[in-house]
Amino acid sequence: MDDYRLITTSSPHLHSGENISRIMFSVAIALLLPTFAGIYFFGFRALSLVVITSLAAMLTEAIFQKLRNKPIAISDGSALVTGMLLALNLPPGLPYWMAVVGAVVAISLGKQIYGGLGSNPFNPALIGRVFLMITFTTPMTTWINPVDGTTGATPLSLMKMQGLQTDYAKMLIGNIGGSLGETSALLIIIGGIYLIYKGYVDWRIPASFLGSVAVLSGFLGQDPIFHLLSGGLMLGAFFMATDMVTTPLSKLGKIIFGIGAGLFTVLIRVYGGYPEGVSFSILLMNAFTPLINRFTVPKIYGEVKAE
């Protein structure tokens, strides 16, 4: 008689064939589109900035994993993605050593201090960027014009200070001053659609994020198209607000997250001291993610509510 055994294991019981490395390198491939745009408009400086932040992020990750006696897993691509995202949030002319500091902070204080990949409550790249914004305000707000290489203000700064706006075509293509990730909203959208097609990004977050920005900016008498195409909104909506670790689990939760990020972005842009609010809005909603999960994640069938 055959020996039949009942083997019990925790879910999930089906494997999609995806893994962390495949997902992360797909994100890195999608990020190459705005990266190429940054290189085209700002030259070798942009390429070197991306390379330096990526290497610094991976090296920091390896050092912390070694210190914690954990397997060195930089081959999973997560540190590479963090480094690329951080570079795309930086001005092209930022000194290299400051970019390295940002990468170290992103990995150490934004990720490894919480236990590593999957445990961090906040987007690591945004932690690095906000740290640099607070610590090195002047270099982080000194922008280069792609046409002649001179310094100048971004469209958001011009709108904030003088009420001036840049034409939509330049903003869509990326021929404007700003961070590397503010170049070519079109290529960022293409990269985001690729990730949605692959199933790595839930369309509800970018759709609710961008939709709430358009609605609230229009309600406040602003130009919705200008707000959609300016600043780091597209990069944030498709690549940072959609982080699997720091965003809600349920479909409703993702919509709430996107709407909240959009509302904070517009309020900071219109009434705040900073011309841009994407980074702060996403980090604020990261803080709300556990609460959103608590009220939106469906209860397990048969679960008894604690008294």
C-alpha atoms as a PDB file:
ATOM      1  CA  MET A   1       0.000   0.000   0.000  1.00  0.00           C
ATOM      2  CA  ASP A   2       1.342   3.403  -0.972  1.00  0.00           C
ATOM      3  CA  ASP A   3       2.366   5.700   1.832  1.00  0.00           C
ATOM      4  CA  TYR A   4       0.240   8.801   1.465  1.00  0.00           C
ATOM      5  CA  ARG A   5       1.261  11.830   3.503  1.00  0.00           C
ATOM      6  CA  LEU A   6      -0.531  15.110   4.047  1.00  0.00           C
ATOM      7  CA  ILE A   7       1.967  17.919   3.564  1.00  0.00           C
ATOM      8  CA  THR A   8       0.837  21.328   4.813  1.00  0.00           C
ATOM      9  CA  THR A   9       2.564  24.533   3.786  1.00  0.00           C
ATOM     10  CA  SER A  10       1.699  28.193   3.975  1.00  0.00           C
ATOM     11  CA  SER A  11       0.374  30.070   0.987  1.00  0.00           C
ATOM     12  CA  PRO A  12       0.933  30.910  -1.793  1.00  0.00           C
ATOM     13  CA  HIS A  13       0.636  27.460  -3.331  1.00  0.00           C
ATOM     14  CA  LEU A  14       1.025  28.554  -6.949  1.00  0.00           C
ATOM     15  CA  HIS A  15       4.140  30.269  -8.319  1.00  0.00           C
ATOM     16  CA  SER A  16       3.879  32.757 -11.158  1.00  0.00           C
ATOM     17  CA  GLY A  17       7.476  32.212 -12.220  1.00  0.00           C
ATOM     18  CA  GLU A  18       8.391  35.793 -11.311  1.00  0.00           C
ATOM     19  CA  ASN A  19      11.106  36.653  -8.834  1.00  0.00           C
ATOM     20  CA  ILE A  20      12.670  39.759  -7.337  1.00  0.00           C
ATOM     21  CA  SER A  21      15.520  39.889  -9.846  1.00  0.00           C
ATOM     22  CA  ARG A  22      13.242  39.685 -12.875  1.00  0.00           C
ATOM     23  CA  ILE A  23      10.942  42.390 -11.544  1.00  0.00           C
ATOM     24  CA  MET A  24      13.757  44.739 -10.535  1.00  0.00           C
ATOM     25  CA  PHE A  25      15.659  44.415 -13.787  1.00  0.00           C
ATOM     26  CA  SER A  26      12.434  45.024 -15.717  1.00  0.00           C
ATOM     27  CA  VAL A  27      12.011  48.242 -13.733  1.00  0.00           C
ATOM     28  CA  ALA A  28      15.646  49.139 -14.490  1.00  0.00           C
ATOM     29  CA  ILE A  29      15.004  48.579 -18.201  1.00  0.00           C
ATOM     30  CA  ALA A  30      11.967  50.857 -18.068  1.00  0.00           C
ATOM     31  CA  LEU A  31      14.050  53.492 -16.251  1.00  0.00           C
ATOM     32  CA  LEU A  32      16.563  53.451 -19.090  1.00  0.00           C
ATOM     33  CA  LEU A  33      14.087  55.427 -21.220  1.00  0.00           C
ATOM     34  CA  PRO A  34      14.124  58.607 -19.068  1.00  0.00           C
ATOM     35  CA  THR A  35      17.816  57.961 -18.401  1.00  0.00           C
ATOM     36  CA  PHE A  36      18.589  58.090 -22.128  1.00  0.00           C
ATOM     37  CA  ALA A  37      16.559  61.301 -22.364  1.00  0.00           C
ATOM     38  CA  GLY A  38      18.612  62.823 -19.549  1.00  0.00           C
ATOM     39  CA  ILE A  39      21.842  61.816 -21.280  1.00  0.00           C
ATOM     40  CA  TYR A  40      20.625  63.278 -24.571  1.00  0.00           C
ATOM     41  CA  PHE A  41      19.737  66.650 -23.045  1.00  0.00           C
ATOM     42  CA  PHE A  42      22.463  66.985 -20.390  1.00  0.00           C
ATOM     43  CA  GLY A  43      25.300  64.910 -21.799  1.00  0.00           C
ATOM     44  CA  PHE A  44      27.964  62.809 -20.077  1.00  0.00           C
ATOM     45  CA  ARG A  45      27.270  64.469 -16.717  1.00  0.00           C
ATOM     46  CA  ALA A  46      23.899  62.748 -16.569  1.00  0.00           C
ATOM     47  CA  LEU A  47      25.331  59.327 -17.426  1.00  0.00           C
ATOM     48  CA  SER A  48      28.097  59.603 -14.832  1.00  0.00           C
ATOM     49  CA  LEU A  49      25.594  60.673 -12.165  1.00  0.00           C
ATOM     50  CA  VAL A  50      23.417  57.599 -12.785  1.00  0.00           C
ATOM     51  CA  VAL A  51      26.437  55.273 -12.751  1.00  0.00           C
ATOM     52  CA  ILE A  52      27.861  56.775  -9.558  1.00  0.00           C
ATOM     53  CA  THR A  53      24.605  56.660  -7.564  1.00  0.00           C
ATOM     54  CA  SER A  54      23.894  53.110  -8.735  1.00  0.00           C
ATOM     55  CA  LEU A  55      27.367  51.855  -7.759  1.00  0.00           C
ATOM     56  CA  ALA A  56      27.217  53.684  -4.421  1.00  0.00           C
ATOM     57  CA  ALA A  57      23.809  52.184  -3.649  1.00  0.00           C
ATOM     58  CA  MET A  58      24.941  48.640  -4.474  1.00  0.00           C
ATOM     59  CA  LEU A  59      28.187  48.988  -2.517  1.00  0.00           C
ATOM     60  CA  THR A  60      26.325  50.346   0.521  1.00  0.00           C
ATOM     61  CA  GLU A  61      23.865  47.469   0.342  1.00  0.00           C
ATOM     62  CA  ALA A  62      26.680  44.915   0.176  1.00  0.00           C
ATOM     63  CA  ILE A  63      28.490  46.488   3.149  1.00  0.00           C
ATOM     64  CA  PHE A  64      25.371  46.502   5.334  1.00  0.00           C
ATOM     65  CA  GLN A  65      24.483  42.933   4.417  1.00  0.00           C
ATOM     66  CA  LYS A  66      28.027  41.882   5.276  1.00  0.00           C
ATOM     67  CA  LEU A  67      27.887  43.699   8.626  1.00  0.00           C
ATOM     68  CA  ARG A  68      24.553  42.026   9.417  1.00  0.00           C
ATOM     69  CA  ASN A  69      25.912  38.587   8.457  1.00  0.00           C
ATOM     70  CA  LYS A  70      23.330  38.323   5.720  1.00  0.00           C
ATOM     71  CA  PRO A  71      23.911  36.916   2.215  1.00  0.00           C
ATOM     72  CA  ILE A  72      25.074  39.639  -0.157  1.00  0.00           C
ATOM     73  CA  ALA A  73      22.166  39.941  -2.564  1.00  0.00           C
ATOM     74  CA  ILE A  74      22.951  42.979  -4.700  1.00  0.00           C
ATOM     75  CA  SER A  75      22.362  40.773  -7.747  1.00  0.00           C
ATOM     76  CA  ASP A  76      18.600  41.019  -7.102  1.00  0.00           C
ATOM     77  CA  GLY A  77      18.677  44.492  -8.664  1.00  0.00           C
ATOM     78  CA  SER A  78      16.831  46.350  -5.896  1.00  0.00           C
ATOM     79  CA  ALA A  79      19.826  48.528  -4.968  1.00  0.00           C
ATOM     80  CA  LEU A  80      20.432  49.246  -8.654  1.00  0.00           C
ATOM     81  CA  VAL A  81      16.851  50.493  -9.055  1.00  0.00           C
ATOM     82  CA  THR A  82      17.203  52.665  -5.946  1.00  0.00           C
ATOM     83  CA  GLY A  83      20.397  54.205  -7.312  1.00  0.00           C
ATOM     84  CA  MET A  84      18.832  54.884 -10.718  1.00  0.00           C
ATOM     85  CA  LEU A  85      15.704  56.428  -9.193  1.00  0.00           C
ATOM     86  CA  LEU A  86      17.780  58.642  -6.929  1.00  0.00           C
ATOM     87  CA  ALA A  87      19.866  59.879  -9.876  1.00  0.00           C
ATOM     88  CA  LEU A  88      16.715  60.709 -11.832  1.00  0.00           C
ATOM     89  CA  ASN A  89      15.608  62.861  -8.886  1.00  0.00           C
ATOM     90  CA  LEU A  90      18.810  64.912  -8.843  1.00  0.00           C
ATOM     91  CA  PRO A  91      19.931  68.036 -10.720  1.00  0.00           C
ATOM     92  CA  PRO A  92      22.434  67.152 -13.475  1.00  0.00           C
ATOM     93  CA  GLY A  93      25.053  69.477 -11.991  1.00  0.00           C
ATOM     94  CA  LEU A  94      24.967  68.100  -8.442  1.00  0.00           C
ATOM     95  CA  PRO A  95      28.501  67.364  -7.134  1.00  0.00           C
ATOM     96  CA  TYR A  96      29.292  63.675  -7.284  1.00  0.00           C
ATOM     97  CA  TRP A  97      30.130  63.376  -3.596  1.00  0.00           C
ATOM     98  CA  MET A  98      26.689  64.699  -2.659  1.00  0.00           C
ATOM     99  CA  ALA A  99      25.078  62.127  -4.931  1.00  0.00           C
ATOM    100  CA  VAL A 100      27.101  59.406  -3.175  1.00  0.00           C
ATOM    101  CA  VAL A 101      25.919  60.687   0.220  1.00  0.00           C
ATOM    102  CA  GLY A 102      22.334  60.531  -1.025  1.00  0.00           C
ATOM    103  CA  ALA A 103      22.778  56.940  -2.205  1.00  0.00           C
ATOM    104  CA  VAL A 104      24.316  55.892   1.121  1.00  0.00           C
ATOM    105  CA  VAL A 105      21.446  57.488   3.049  1.00  0.00           C
ATOM    106  CA  ALA A 106      18.846  55.948   0.723  1.00  0.00           C
ATOM    107  CA  ILE A 107      20.129  52.422   1.325  1.00  0.00           C
ATOM    108  CA  SER A 108      21.189  52.706   4.969  1.00  0.00           C
ATOM    109  CA  LEU A 109      18.446  54.895   6.482  1.00  0.00           C
ATOM    110  CA  GLY A 110      15.784  54.151   3.898  1.00  0.00           C
ATOM    111  CA  LYS A 111      16.146  50.386   3.658  1.00  0.00           C
ATOM    112  CA  GLN A 112      18.750  48.437   5.640  1.00  0.00           C
ATOM    113  CA  ILE A 113      17.981  50.030   8.996  1.00  0.00           C
ATOM    114  CA  TYR A 114      14.517  48.444   8.811  1.00  0.00           C
ATOM    115  CA  GLY A 115      15.822  44.991   7.951  1.00  0.00           C
ATOM    116  CA  GLY A 116      16.361  45.187   4.202  1.00  0.00           C
ATOM    117  CA  LEU A 117      14.199  44.616   1.158  1.00  0.00           C
ATOM    118  CA  GLY A 118      10.527  44.136   1.986  1.00  0.00           C
ATOM    119  CA  SER A 119      10.705  45.692   5.455  1.00  0.00           C
ATOM    120  CA  ASN A 120      11.176  49.375   4.634  1.00  0.00           C
ATOM    121  CA  PRO A 121       8.063  51.551   5.198  1.00  0.00           C
ATOM    122  CA  PHE A 122       9.297  54.410   2.983  1.00  0.00           C
ATOM    123  CA  ASN A 123      10.616  54.572  -0.562  1.00  0.00           C
ATOM    124  CA  PRO A 124      14.437  54.511  -0.159  1.00  0.00           C
ATOM    125  CA  ALA A 125      15.207  56.704  -3.177  1.00  0.00           C
ATOM    126  CA  LEU A 126      12.872  59.414  -1.880  1.00  0.00           C
ATOM    127  CA  ILE A 127      14.476  59.227   1.567  1.00  0.00           C
ATOM    128  CA  GLY A 128      17.811  59.938  -0.125  1.00  0.00           C
ATOM    129  CA  ARG A 129      16.406  62.797  -2.177  1.00  0.00           C
ATOM    130  CA  VAL A 130      14.626  64.509   0.731  1.00  0.00           C
ATOM    131  CA  PHE A 131      17.781  64.196   2.846  1.00  0.00           C
ATOM    132  CA  LEU A 132      19.770  65.941   0.128  1.00  0.00           C
ATOM    133  CA  MET A 133      17.054  68.602  -0.281  1.00  0.00           C
ATOM    134  CA  ILE A 134      17.183  69.451   3.417  1.00  0.00           C
ATOM    135  CA  THR A 135      20.967  69.194   3.784  1.00  0.00           C
ATOM    136  CA  PHE A 136      22.192  70.713   0.498  1.00  0.00           C
ATOM    137  CA  THR A 137      19.332  73.009  -0.478  1.00  0.00           C
ATOM    138  CA  THR A 138      21.214  75.297  -2.871  1.00  0.00           C
ATOM    139  CA  PRO A 139      22.920  72.585  -4.990  1.00  0.00           C
ATOM    140  CA  MET A 140      19.661  70.615  -5.045  1.00  0.00           C
ATOM    141  CA  THR A 141      17.799  73.620  -6.461  1.00  0.00           C
ATOM    142  CA  THR A 142      20.411  74.723  -9.001  1.00  0.00           C
ATOM    143  CA  TRP A 143      19.203  73.617 -12.416  1.00  0.00           C
ATOM    144  CA  ILE A 144      20.889  73.434 -15.814  1.00  0.00           C
ATOM    145  CA  ASN A 145      19.198  74.458 -19.043  1.00  0.00           C
ATOM    146  CA  PRO A 146      19.641  71.690 -21.640  1.00  0.00           C
ATOM    147  CA  VAL A 147      19.950  74.172 -24.505  1.00  0.00           C
ATOM    148  CA  ASP A 148      23.026  76.153 -23.474  1.00  0.00           C
ATOM    149  CA  GLY A 149      24.160  74.552 -20.210  1.00  0.00           C
ATOM    150  CA  THR A 150      23.479  77.690 -18.171  1.00  0.00           C
ATOM    151  CA  THR A 151      21.691  77.608 -14.842  1.00  0.00           C
ATOM    152  CA  GLY A 152      18.019  78.510 -14.695  1.00  0.00           C
ATOM    153  CA  ALA A 153      14.704  77.846 -13.018  1.00  0.00           C
ATOM    154  CA  THR A 154      12.423  74.892 -13.656  1.00  0.00           C
ATOM    155  CA  PRO A 155       8.917  75.438 -15.073  1.00  0.00           C
ATOM    156  CA  LEU A 156       7.443  74.818 -11.616  1.00  0.00           C
ATOM    157  CA  SER A 157       9.745  77.414 -10.064  1.00  0.00           C
ATOM    158  CA  LEU A 158       8.843  79.949 -12.741  1.00  0.00           C
ATOM    159  CA  MET A 159       5.153  79.279 -12.199  1.00  0.00           C
ATOM    160  CA  LYS A 160       5.592  79.572  -8.435  1.00  0.00           C
ATOM    161  CA  MET A 161       7.554  82.834  -8.548  1.00  0.00           C
ATOM    162  CA  GLN A 162       6.320  84.606 -11.654  1.00  0.00           C
ATOM    163  CA  GLY A 163       3.249  82.791 -12.904  1.00  0.00           C
ATOM    164  CA  LEU A 164       5.094  81.837 -16.097  1.00  0.00           C
ATOM    165  CA  GLN A 165       4.591  78.513 -17.854  1.00  0.00           C
ATOM    166  CA  THR A 166       6.568  76.509 -20.398  1.00  0.00           C
ATOM    167  CA  ASP A 167       4.937  75.252 -23.567  1.00  0.00           C
ATOM    168  CA  TYR A 168       3.565  71.721 -23.422  1.00  0.00           C
ATOM    169  CA  ALA A 169       5.703  70.344 -26.251  1.00  0.00           C
ATOM    170  CA  LYS A 170       8.979  71.076 -24.466  1.00  0.00           C
ATOM    171  CA  MET A 171       7.647  69.612 -21.242  1.00  0.00           C
ATOM    172  CA  LEU A 172       6.426  66.458 -22.988  1.00  0.00           C
ATOM    173  CA  ILE A 173       9.730  65.887 -24.775  1.00  0.00           C
ATOM    174  CA  GLY A 174      11.900  67.020 -21.872  1.00  0.00           C
ATOM    175  CA  ASN A 175      13.771  69.994 -23.307  1.00  0.00           C
ATOM    176  CA  ILE A 176      13.518  71.894 -20.006  1.00  0.00           C
ATOM    177  CA  GLY A 177      15.581  72.569 -16.921  1.00  0.00           C
ATOM    178  CA  GLY A 178      15.124  70.298 -13.926  1.00  0.00           C
ATOM    179  CA  SER A 179      16.188  66.980 -12.492  1.00  0.00           C
ATOM    180  CA  LEU A 180      17.079  64.100 -14.806  1.00  0.00           C
ATOM    181  CA  GLY A 181      13.667  62.544 -14.149  1.00  0.00           C
ATOM    182  CA  GLU A 182      11.882  65.695 -15.318  1.00  0.00           C
ATOM    183  CA  THR A 183      13.080  65.081 -18.849  1.00  0.00           C
ATOM    184  CA  SER A 184      10.676  63.541 -21.345  1.00  0.00           C
ATOM    185  CA  ALA A 185       7.358  62.853 -19.673  1.00  0.00           C
ATOM    186  CA  LEU A 186       6.564  60.889 -22.826  1.00  0.00           C
ATOM    187  CA  LEU A 187       9.334  58.315 -22.291  1.00  0.00           C
ATOM    188  CA  ILE A 188       8.427  57.992 -18.615  1.00  0.00           C
ATOM    189  CA  ILE A 189       4.821  57.220 -19.588  1.00  0.00           C
ATOM    190  CA  ILE A 190       6.005  54.605 -22.104  1.00  0.00           C
ATOM    191  CA  GLY A 191       8.174  52.971 -19.436  1.00  0.00           C
ATOM    192  CA  GLY A 192       5.276  53.028 -16.987  1.00  0.00           C
ATOM    193  CA  ILE A 193       2.896  51.444 -19.497  1.00  0.00           C
ATOM    194  CA  TYR A 194       5.466  48.693 -20.079  1.00  0.00           C
ATOM    195  CA  LEU A 195       5.515  47.901 -16.349  1.00  0.00           C
ATOM    196  CA  ILE A 196       1.719  47.920 -16.207  1.00  0.00           C
ATOM    197  CA  TYR A 197       1.644  45.519 -19.165  1.00  0.00           C
ATOM    198  CA  LYS A 198       4.103  43.224 -17.398  1.00  0.00           C
ATOM    199  CA  GLY A 199       1.910  43.283 -14.293  1.00  0.00           C
ATOM    200  CA  TYR A 200       4.579  44.803 -12.056  1.00  0.00           C
ATOM    201  CA  VAL A 201       2.659  48.051 -11.589  1.00  0.00           C
ATOM    202  CA  ASP A 202      -1.015  48.394 -10.703  1.00  0.00           C
ATOM    203  CA  TRP A 203      -2.582  51.006 -12.967  1.00  0.00           C
ATOM    204  CA  ARG A 204      -4.822  52.240 -10.150  1.00  0.00           C
ATOM    205  CA  ILE A 205      -2.052  54.138  -8.368  1.00  0.00           C
ATOM    206  CA  PRO A 206      -0.762  56.243 -11.304  1.00  0.00           C
ATOM    207  CA  ALA A 207      -4.306  56.737 -12.624  1.00  0.00           C
ATOM    208  CA  SER A 208      -5.673  57.975  -9.276  1.00  0.00           C
ATOM    209  CA  PHE A 209      -2.492  59.979  -8.589  1.00  0.00           C
ATOM    210  CA  LEU A 210      -2.516  61.807 -11.919  1.00  0.00           C
ATOM    211  CA  GLY A 211      -6.304  62.108 -11.948  1.00  0.00           C
ATOM    212  CA  SER A 212      -6.452  63.760  -8.527  1.00  0.00           C
ATOM    213  CA  VAL A 213      -3.677  66.196  -9.520  1.00  0.00           C
ATOM    214  CA  ALA A 214      -5.613  67.176 -12.651  1.00  0.00           C
ATOM    215  CA  VAL A 215      -8.931  67.594 -10.823  1.00  0.00           C
ATOM    216  CA  LEU A 216      -7.641  69.524  -7.810  1.00  0.00           C
ATOM    217  CA  SER A 217      -5.320  71.793  -9.807  1.00  0.00           C
ATOM    218  CA  GLY A 218      -8.205  72.646 -12.132  1.00  0.00           C
ATOM    219  CA  PHE A 219     -10.497  73.263  -9.164  1.00  0.00           C
ATOM    220  CA  LEU A 220      -7.919  75.693  -7.729  1.00  0.00           C
ATOM    221  CA  GLY A 221      -7.716  77.606 -11.005  1.00  0.00           C
ATOM    222  CA  GLN A 222      -4.405  76.102 -12.101  1.00  0.00           C
ATOM    223  CA  ASP A 223      -3.537  74.575 -15.473  1.00  0.00           C
ATOM    224  CA  PRO A 224      -4.036  70.786 -15.080  1.00  0.00           C
ATOM    225  CA  ILE A 225      -1.930  69.862 -18.120  1.00  0.00           C
ATOM    226  CA  PHE A 226       0.950  72.001 -16.884  1.00  0.00           C
ATOM    227  CA  HIS A 227       0.854  70.315 -13.476  1.00  0.00           C
ATOM    228  CA  LEU A 228       0.718  66.857 -15.050  1.00  0.00           C
ATOM    229  CA  LEU A 229       3.735  67.426 -17.295  1.00  0.00           C
ATOM    230  CA  SER A 230       5.883  69.482 -14.934  1.00  0.00           C
ATOM    231  CA  GLY A 231       8.264  68.430 -12.198  1.00  0.00           C
ATOM    232  CA  GLY A 232       8.752  64.843 -11.140  1.00  0.00           C
ATOM    233  CA  LEU A 233       5.065  63.924 -11.191  1.00  0.00           C
ATOM    234  CA  MET A 234       5.231  61.360 -14.001  1.00  0.00           C
ATOM    235  CA  LEU A 235       8.321  59.672 -12.556  1.00  0.00           C
ATOM    236  CA  GLY A 236       6.751  59.627  -9.111  1.00  0.00           C
ATOM    237  CA  ALA A 237       3.376  58.353 -10.282  1.00  0.00           C
ATOM    238  CA  PHE A 238       4.709  55.460 -12.379  1.00  0.00           C
ATOM    239  CA  PHE A 239       7.941  54.458 -10.632  1.00  0.00           C
ATOM    240  CA  MET A 240       7.901  55.531  -6.962  1.00  0.00           C
ATOM    241  CA  ALA A 241       4.301  55.673  -5.813  1.00  0.00           C
ATOM    242  CA  THR A 242       3.895  52.149  -7.219  1.00  0.00           C
ATOM    243  CA  ASP A 243       6.596  50.558  -5.054  1.00  0.00           C
ATOM    244  CA  MET A 244       5.267  47.134  -4.026  1.00  0.00           C
ATOM    245  CA  VAL A 245       6.709  47.328  -0.508  1.00  0.00           C
ATOM    246  CA  THR A 246       5.544  50.780   0.592  1.00  0.00           C
ATOM    247  CA  THR A 247       2.065  50.957  -0.951  1.00  0.00           C
ATOM    248  CA  PRO A 248      -1.286  49.394   0.062  1.00  0.00           C
ATOM    249  CA  LEU A 249      -2.209  45.831  -0.826  1.00  0.00           C
ATOM    250  CA  SER A 250      -5.865  46.116  -1.829  1.00  0.00           C
ATOM    251  CA  LYS A 251      -7.285  47.666  -4.992  1.00  0.00           C
ATOM    252  CA  LEU A 252      -9.278  50.212  -2.994  1.00  0.00           C
ATOM    253  CA  GLY A 253      -6.223  50.974  -0.874  1.00  0.00           C
ATOM    254  CA  LYS A 254      -4.154  51.709  -3.982  1.00  0.00           C
ATOM    255  CA  ILE A 255      -6.783  54.172  -5.217  1.00  0.00           C
ATOM    256  CA  ILE A 256      -6.890  55.909  -1.827  1.00  0.00           C
ATOM    257  CA  PHE A 257      -3.090  56.066  -1.810  1.00  0.00           C
ATOM    258  CA  GLY A 258      -2.975  57.623  -5.287  1.00  0.00           C
ATOM    259  CA  ILE A 259      -5.666  60.183  -4.523  1.00  0.00           C
ATOM    260  CA  GLY A 260      -3.952  61.181  -1.278  1.00  0.00           C
ATOM    261  CA  ALA A 261      -0.580  61.582  -2.995  1.00  0.00           C
ATOM    262  CA  GLY A 262      -2.170  63.715  -5.694  1.00  0.00           C
ATOM    263  CA  LEU A 263      -3.926  65.972  -3.195  1.00  0.00           C
ATOM    264  CA  PHE A 264      -0.755  66.508  -1.150  1.00  0.00           C
ATOM    265  CA  THR A 265       1.243  67.210  -4.330  1.00  0.00           C
ATOM    266  CA  VAL A 266      -1.082  69.976  -5.506  1.00  0.00           C
ATOM    267  CA  LEU A 267      -1.428  71.529  -2.041  1.00  0.00           C
ATOM    268  CA  ILE A 268       2.355  71.694  -1.614  1.00  0.00           C
ATOM    269  CA  ARG A 269       2.873  73.039  -5.125  1.00  0.00           C
ATOM    270  CA  VAL A 270       0.236  75.749  -4.794  1.00  0.00           C
ATOM    271  CA  TYR A 271       0.436  76.733  -1.124  1.00  0.00           C
ATOM    272  CA  GLY A 272       3.713  75.294   0.172  1.00  0.00           C
ATOM    273  CA  GLY A 273       7.181  76.779   0.322  1.00  0.00           C
ATOM    274  CA  TYR A 274       8.600  74.266  -2.170  1.00  0.00           C
ATOM    275  CA  PRO A 275       7.633  74.476  -5.863  1.00  0.00           C
ATOM    276  CA  GLU A 276       7.566  70.657  -6.037  1.00  0.00           C
ATOM    277  CA  GLY A 277       5.647  68.317  -3.750  1.00  0.00           C
ATOM    278  CA  VAL A 278       5.818  64.845  -5.304  1.00  0.00           C
ATOM    279  CA  SER A 279       8.537  63.431  -3.038  1.00  0.00           C
ATOM    280  CA  PHE A 280       6.928  64.694   0.153  1.00  0.00           C
ATOM    281  CA  SER A 281       3.454  63.543  -0.883  1.00  0.00           C
ATOM    282  CA  ILE A 282       4.565  59.977  -1.627  1.00  0.00           C
ATOM    283  CA  LEU A 283       6.479  59.728   1.659  1.00  0.00           C
ATOM    284  CA  LEU A 284       3.452  61.051   3.548  1.00  0.00           C
ATOM    285  CA  MET A 285       1.233  58.427   1.953  1.00  0.00           C
ATOM    286  CA  ASN A 286       3.863  55.747   2.682  1.00  0.00           C
ATOM    287  CA  ALA A 287       3.307  56.623   6.353  1.00  0.00           C
ATOM    288  CA  PHE A 288      -0.446  56.126   5.898  1.00  0.00           C
ATOM    289  CA  THR A 289      -0.066  52.748   4.153  1.00  0.00           C
ATOM    290  CA  PRO A 290      -0.429  50.581   7.310  1.00  0.00           C
ATOM    291  CA  LEU A 291      -3.594  52.458   8.251  1.00  0.00           C
ATOM    292  CA  ILE A 292      -4.992  52.143   4.731  1.00  0.00           C
ATOM    293  CA  ASN A 293      -4.236  48.418   4.753  1.00  0.00           C
ATOM    294  CA  ARG A 294      -5.985  48.031   8.092  1.00  0.00           C
ATOM    295  CA  PHE A 295      -9.273  49.360   6.748  1.00  0.00           C
ATOM    296  CA  THR A 296      -9.178  48.120   3.150  1.00  0.00           C
ATOM    297  CA  VAL A 297      -7.590  44.664   3.160  1.00  0.00           C
ATOM    298  CA  PRO A 298     -10.431  42.072   3.079  1.00  0.00           C
ATOM    299  CA  LYS A 299     -10.818  39.893   6.139  1.00  0.00           C
ATOM    300  CA  ILE A 300      -9.790  36.252   5.832  1.00  0.00           C
ATOM    301  CA  TYR A 301     -12.791  33.971   5.437  1.00  0.00           C
ATOM    302  CA  GLY A 302     -13.751  32.696   8.883  1.00  0.00           C
ATOM    303  CA  GLU A 303     -11.625  35.252  10.716  1.00  0.00           C
ATOM    304  CA  VAL A 304     -13.075  36.286  14.068  1.00  0.00           C
ATOM    305  CA  LYS A 305     -12.779  39.958  14.943  1.00  0.00           C
ATOM    306  CA  ALA A 306     -10.795  40.510  18.124  1.00  0.00           C
ATOM    307  CA  GLU A 307     -12.772  41.944  21.005  1.00  0.00           C
END
